[in-house]
Amino acid sequence: MCETTIRLEQRVREHQDACKRGNEKVSAIAEHAWQQHHPIKWEEVRVVDRASKNRELKIKEALLIQMTPENKFNRDIGLAVSPFRINKNSKCTLQ
């Protein structure tokens, strides 16, 4: 997951370049690829969601990070959006 306002194609190229160079500091995807010794399936990259405003984008990103804890590509938890935890079944529980 990546909060970004640039086009997907450009962002993918940036990550591909980091992977080729082994530049793990600028890309969590490159870090994962190099440390786990496997290629990234670039053809399967897709936009998960869209937002027209920056605040909406940050909230959506934070919620997606909370809902997919098995995702190893996020280096932080995103925006603190609520005292509630949202599980994969869209049920809210107090943290």
N, C-alpha and C. Protein backbone atom coordinates (compact mmCIF):
# COMPACT_ATOMS: atom_id res chain seq x y z
N MET A 1 0.84 -1.16 0.00
CA MET A 1 0.00 0.00 0.00
C MET A 1 0.89 1.22 0.00
N CYS A 2 0.41 2.15 -0.74
CA CYS A 2 1.25 3.33 -0.86
C CYS A 2 0.38 4.55 -1.00
N GLU A 3 0.53 5.45 -0.08
CA GLU A 3 -0.18 6.72 -0.19
C GLU A 3 0.59 7.55 -1.19
N THR A 4 -0.04 7.88 -2.29
CA THR A 4 0.65 8.66 -3.30
C THR A 4 -0.34 9.43 -4.15
N THR A 5 0.11 10.56 -4.63
CA THR A 5 -0.72 11.35 -5.53
C THR A 5 -0.14 11.32 -6.95
N ILE A 6 0.90 10.54 -7.16
CA ILE A 6 1.46 10.43 -8.51
C ILE A 6 0.85 9.22 -9.22
N ARG A 7 0.99 9.19 -10.52
CA ARG A 7 0.41 8.11 -11.31
C ARG A 7 1.03 6.76 -10.93
N LEU A 8 0.21 5.73 -10.99
CA LEU A 8 0.64 4.39 -10.62
C LEU A 8 1.86 3.96 -11.43
N GLU A 9 1.85 4.21 -12.72
CA GLU A 9 2.95 3.77 -13.58
C GLU A 9 4.28 4.37 -13.12
N GLN A 10 4.26 5.63 -12.74
CA GLN A 10 5.48 6.29 -12.27
C GLN A 10 5.94 5.69 -10.94
N ARG A 11 5.00 5.45 -10.04
CA ARG A 11 5.34 4.89 -8.74
C ARG A 11 5.91 3.47 -8.89
N VAL A 12 5.33 2.68 -9.78
CA VAL A 12 5.84 1.33 -10.05
C VAL A 12 7.27 1.41 -10.59
N ARG A 13 7.51 2.33 -11.52
CA ARG A 13 8.88 2.49 -12.07
C ARG A 13 9.88 2.83 -10.97
N GLU A 14 9.47 3.69 -10.03
CA GLU A 14 10.35 4.05 -8.92
C GLU A 14 10.70 2.81 -8.08
N HIS A 15 9.71 2.00 -7.78
CA HIS A 15 9.96 0.78 -7.00
C HIS A 15 10.79 -0.23 -7.79
N GLN A 16 10.52 -0.36 -9.09
CA GLN A 16 11.30 -1.27 -9.92
C GLN A 16 12.77 -0.85 -9.95
N ASP A 17 13.01 0.45 -10.07
CA ASP A 17 14.38 0.96 -10.08
C ASP A 17 15.06 0.66 -8.75
N ALA A 18 14.35 0.88 -7.65
CA ALA A 18 14.92 0.59 -6.33
C ALA A 18 15.23 -0.90 -6.19
N CYS A 19 14.36 -1.75 -6.73
CA CYS A 19 14.60 -3.20 -6.67
C CYS A 19 15.83 -3.59 -7.47
N LYS A 20 15.97 -3.03 -8.67
CA LYS A 20 17.13 -3.35 -9.51
C LYS A 20 18.43 -2.93 -8.85
N ARG A 21 18.39 -1.79 -8.18
CA ARG A 21 19.60 -1.25 -7.55
C ARG A 21 19.82 -1.78 -6.14
N GLY A 22 18.83 -2.47 -5.59
CA GLY A 22 18.94 -2.95 -4.22
C GLY A 22 18.85 -1.83 -3.20
N ASN A 23 18.16 -0.76 -3.58
CA ASN A 23 18.04 0.41 -2.72
C ASN A 23 16.90 0.23 -1.73
N GLU A 24 17.18 -0.46 -0.66
CA GLU A 24 16.17 -0.81 0.34
C GLU A 24 15.73 0.37 1.19
N LYS A 25 16.52 1.43 1.23
CA LYS A 25 16.16 2.58 2.05
C LYS A 25 15.01 3.40 1.47
N VAL A 26 14.86 3.39 0.16
CA VAL A 26 13.81 4.22 -0.46
C VAL A 26 12.55 3.43 -0.80
N SER A 27 12.60 2.11 -0.69
CA SER A 27 11.44 1.31 -1.09
C SER A 27 11.32 0.08 -0.19
N ALA A 28 10.19 -0.01 0.52
CA ALA A 28 9.93 -1.21 1.33
C ALA A 28 9.74 -2.42 0.43
N ILE A 29 9.29 -2.20 -0.79
CA ILE A 29 9.13 -3.31 -1.74
C ILE A 29 10.51 -3.86 -2.12
N ALA A 30 11.45 -2.96 -2.38
CA ALA A 30 12.82 -3.39 -2.69
C ALA A 30 13.43 -4.12 -1.49
N GLU A 31 13.20 -3.59 -0.31
CA GLU A 31 13.70 -4.24 0.91
C GLU A 31 13.15 -5.67 1.02
N HIS A 32 11.86 -5.82 0.81
CA HIS A 32 11.23 -7.14 0.88
C HIS A 32 11.81 -8.07 -0.18
N ALA A 33 11.90 -7.60 -1.41
CA ALA A 33 12.40 -8.43 -2.51
C ALA A 33 13.83 -8.90 -2.25
N TRP A 34 14.69 -8.02 -1.79
CA TRP A 34 16.09 -8.38 -1.55
C TRP A 34 16.23 -9.29 -0.33
N GLN A 35 15.50 -9.00 0.74
CA GLN A 35 15.64 -9.80 1.95
C GLN A 35 14.99 -11.18 1.82
N GLN A 36 13.91 -11.27 1.06
CA GLN A 36 13.21 -12.55 0.90
C GLN A 36 13.66 -13.32 -0.34
N HIS A 37 14.51 -12.70 -1.16
CA HIS A 37 15.08 -13.34 -2.35
C HIS A 37 14.01 -13.85 -3.32
N HIS A 38 13.07 -12.99 -3.63
CA HIS A 38 12.11 -13.38 -4.66
C HIS A 38 11.66 -12.17 -5.46
N PRO A 39 11.27 -12.40 -6.70
CA PRO A 39 10.86 -11.28 -7.56
C PRO A 39 9.46 -10.77 -7.20
N ILE A 40 9.21 -9.52 -7.53
CA ILE A 40 7.90 -8.91 -7.33
C ILE A 40 7.07 -9.13 -8.60
N LYS A 41 5.82 -9.43 -8.44
CA LYS A 41 4.91 -9.64 -9.58
C LYS A 41 4.36 -8.30 -10.04
N TRP A 42 5.16 -7.56 -10.80
CA TRP A 42 4.80 -6.20 -11.21
C TRP A 42 3.51 -6.17 -12.03
N GLU A 43 3.24 -7.23 -12.77
CA GLU A 43 2.04 -7.25 -13.61
C GLU A 43 0.76 -7.34 -12.78
N GLU A 44 0.88 -7.65 -11.49
CA GLU A 44 -0.29 -7.75 -10.62
C GLU A 44 -0.53 -6.50 -9.77
N VAL A 45 0.30 -5.47 -9.95
CA VAL A 45 0.12 -4.22 -9.21
C VAL A 45 -1.17 -3.55 -9.65
N ARG A 46 -1.92 -3.05 -8.67
CA ARG A 46 -3.20 -2.40 -9.00
C ARG A 46 -3.50 -1.31 -7.99
N VAL A 47 -4.38 -0.42 -8.36
CA VAL A 47 -4.86 0.62 -7.46
C VAL A 47 -5.90 -0.01 -6.55
N VAL A 48 -5.73 0.13 -5.25
CA VAL A 48 -6.65 -0.46 -4.29
C VAL A 48 -7.85 0.46 -4.07
N ASP A 49 -7.61 1.75 -4.03
CA ASP A 49 -8.68 2.71 -3.82
C ASP A 49 -8.20 4.09 -4.27
N ARG A 50 -9.12 5.01 -4.40
CA ARG A 50 -8.80 6.37 -4.81
C ARG A 50 -9.41 7.35 -3.84
N ALA A 51 -8.85 8.56 -3.82
CA ALA A 51 -9.39 9.63 -2.99
C ALA A 51 -9.14 10.95 -3.69
N SER A 52 -10.08 11.86 -3.55
CA SER A 52 -9.93 13.15 -4.21
C SER A 52 -9.26 14.19 -3.31
N LYS A 53 -9.20 13.92 -2.01
CA LYS A 53 -8.59 14.86 -1.07
C LYS A 53 -7.50 14.15 -0.27
N ASN A 54 -6.46 14.90 0.10
CA ASN A 54 -5.33 14.33 0.80
C ASN A 54 -5.74 13.68 2.13
N ARG A 55 -6.61 14.34 2.89
CA ARG A 55 -7.05 13.78 4.18
C ARG A 55 -7.78 12.44 3.97
N GLU A 56 -8.63 12.40 2.97
CA GLU A 56 -9.35 11.16 2.64
C GLU A 56 -8.36 10.06 2.26
N LEU A 57 -7.33 10.41 1.49
CA LEU A 57 -6.31 9.45 1.09
C LEU A 57 -5.59 8.88 2.31
N LYS A 58 -5.21 9.74 3.25
CA LYS A 58 -4.51 9.29 4.45
C LYS A 58 -5.40 8.39 5.32
N ILE A 59 -6.68 8.73 5.43
CA ILE A 59 -7.60 7.91 6.22
C ILE A 59 -7.78 6.54 5.58
N LYS A 60 -8.00 6.51 4.26
CA LYS A 60 -8.16 5.23 3.56
C LYS A 60 -6.92 4.37 3.70
N GLU A 61 -5.75 4.99 3.55
CA GLU A 61 -4.51 4.23 3.68
C GLU A 61 -4.39 3.64 5.08
N ALA A 62 -4.66 4.44 6.11
CA ALA A 62 -4.55 3.96 7.49
C ALA A 62 -5.52 2.81 7.76
N LEU A 63 -6.75 2.92 7.26
CA LEU A 63 -7.72 1.85 7.45
C LEU A 63 -7.29 0.57 6.74
N LEU A 64 -6.76 0.70 5.53
CA LEU A 64 -6.29 -0.49 4.81
C LEU A 64 -5.12 -1.15 5.52
N ILE A 65 -4.22 -0.34 6.08
CA ILE A 65 -3.09 -0.90 6.83
C ILE A 65 -3.61 -1.67 8.04
N GLN A 66 -4.59 -1.09 8.76
CA GLN A 66 -5.15 -1.77 9.93
C GLN A 66 -5.85 -3.07 9.55
N MET A 67 -6.49 -3.08 8.40
CA MET A 67 -7.27 -4.24 7.98
C MET A 67 -6.41 -5.35 7.38
N THR A 68 -5.15 -5.07 7.05
CA THR A 68 -4.27 -6.07 6.45
C THR A 68 -2.93 -6.12 7.20
N PRO A 69 -2.94 -6.57 8.46
CA PRO A 69 -1.69 -6.60 9.23
C PRO A 69 -0.64 -7.55 8.66
N GLU A 70 -1.06 -8.49 7.81
CA GLU A 70 -0.08 -9.40 7.19
C GLU A 70 0.72 -8.72 6.09
N ASN A 71 0.30 -7.54 5.67
CA ASN A 71 1.02 -6.77 4.66
C ASN A 71 2.33 -6.28 5.26
N LYS A 72 3.43 -6.69 4.69
CA LYS A 72 4.75 -6.37 5.23
C LYS A 72 5.40 -5.16 4.55
N PHE A 73 4.68 -4.48 3.67
CA PHE A 73 5.29 -3.41 2.91
C PHE A 73 5.15 -2.03 3.54
N ASN A 74 4.40 -1.90 4.61
CA ASN A 74 4.22 -0.61 5.25
C ASN A 74 5.18 -0.47 6.41
N ARG A 75 5.93 0.62 6.40
CA ARG A 75 6.92 0.85 7.45
C ARG A 75 6.33 1.59 8.64
N ASP A 76 5.12 2.10 8.50
CA ASP A 76 4.44 2.73 9.63
C ASP A 76 2.97 2.34 9.60
N ILE A 77 2.23 2.75 10.61
CA ILE A 77 0.82 2.36 10.70
C ILE A 77 -0.11 3.37 10.08
N GLY A 78 0.44 4.43 9.51
CA GLY A 78 -0.40 5.43 8.88
C GLY A 78 -1.01 6.37 9.91
N LEU A 79 -1.95 7.14 9.46
CA LEU A 79 -2.64 8.10 10.29
C LEU A 79 -3.42 7.40 11.40
N ALA A 80 -3.39 7.93 12.61
CA ALA A 80 -4.21 7.40 13.70
C ALA A 80 -5.63 7.87 13.45
N VAL A 81 -6.50 6.95 13.07
CA VAL A 81 -7.83 7.35 12.62
C VAL A 81 -8.93 7.21 13.65
N SER A 82 -8.74 6.40 14.69
CA SER A 82 -9.85 6.16 15.61
C SER A 82 -9.39 5.32 16.78
N PRO A 83 -10.10 5.38 17.91
CA PRO A 83 -9.78 4.47 19.01
C PRO A 83 -10.36 3.08 18.78
N PHE A 84 -10.95 2.86 17.63
CA PHE A 84 -11.55 1.58 17.30
C PHE A 84 -10.64 0.81 16.36
N ARG A 85 -10.67 -0.48 16.48
CA ARG A 85 -9.93 -1.34 15.55
C ARG A 85 -10.95 -1.95 14.61
N ILE A 86 -10.67 -1.91 13.34
CA ILE A 86 -11.56 -2.47 12.33
C ILE A 86 -10.98 -3.79 11.87
N ASN A 87 -11.77 -4.85 11.98
CA ASN A 87 -11.27 -6.15 11.55
C ASN A 87 -11.70 -6.44 10.12
N LYS A 88 -11.27 -7.55 9.57
CA LYS A 88 -11.54 -7.87 8.18
C LYS A 88 -13.02 -8.08 7.89
N ASN A 89 -13.81 -8.33 8.90
CA ASN A 89 -15.25 -8.52 8.70
C ASN A 89 -16.00 -7.21 8.83
N SER A 90 -15.28 -6.09 8.81
CA SER A 90 -15.84 -4.74 8.94
C SER A 90 -16.56 -4.52 10.24
N LYS A 91 -16.12 -5.19 11.30
CA LYS A 91 -16.69 -4.98 12.62
C LYS A 91 -15.71 -4.16 13.44
N CYS A 92 -16.24 -3.18 14.14
CA CYS A 92 -15.41 -2.32 14.97
C CYS A 92 -15.38 -2.83 16.41
N THR A 93 -14.21 -2.81 16.99
CA THR A 93 -14.07 -3.16 18.40
C THR A 93 -13.16 -2.14 19.04
N LEU A 94 -13.36 -1.88 20.32
CA LEU A 94 -12.47 -0.97 21.03
C LEU A 94 -11.10 -1.58 21.13
N GLN A 95 -10.08 -0.77 21.00
CA GLN A 95 -8.72 -1.27 21.11
C GLN A 95 -8.36 -1.45 22.56
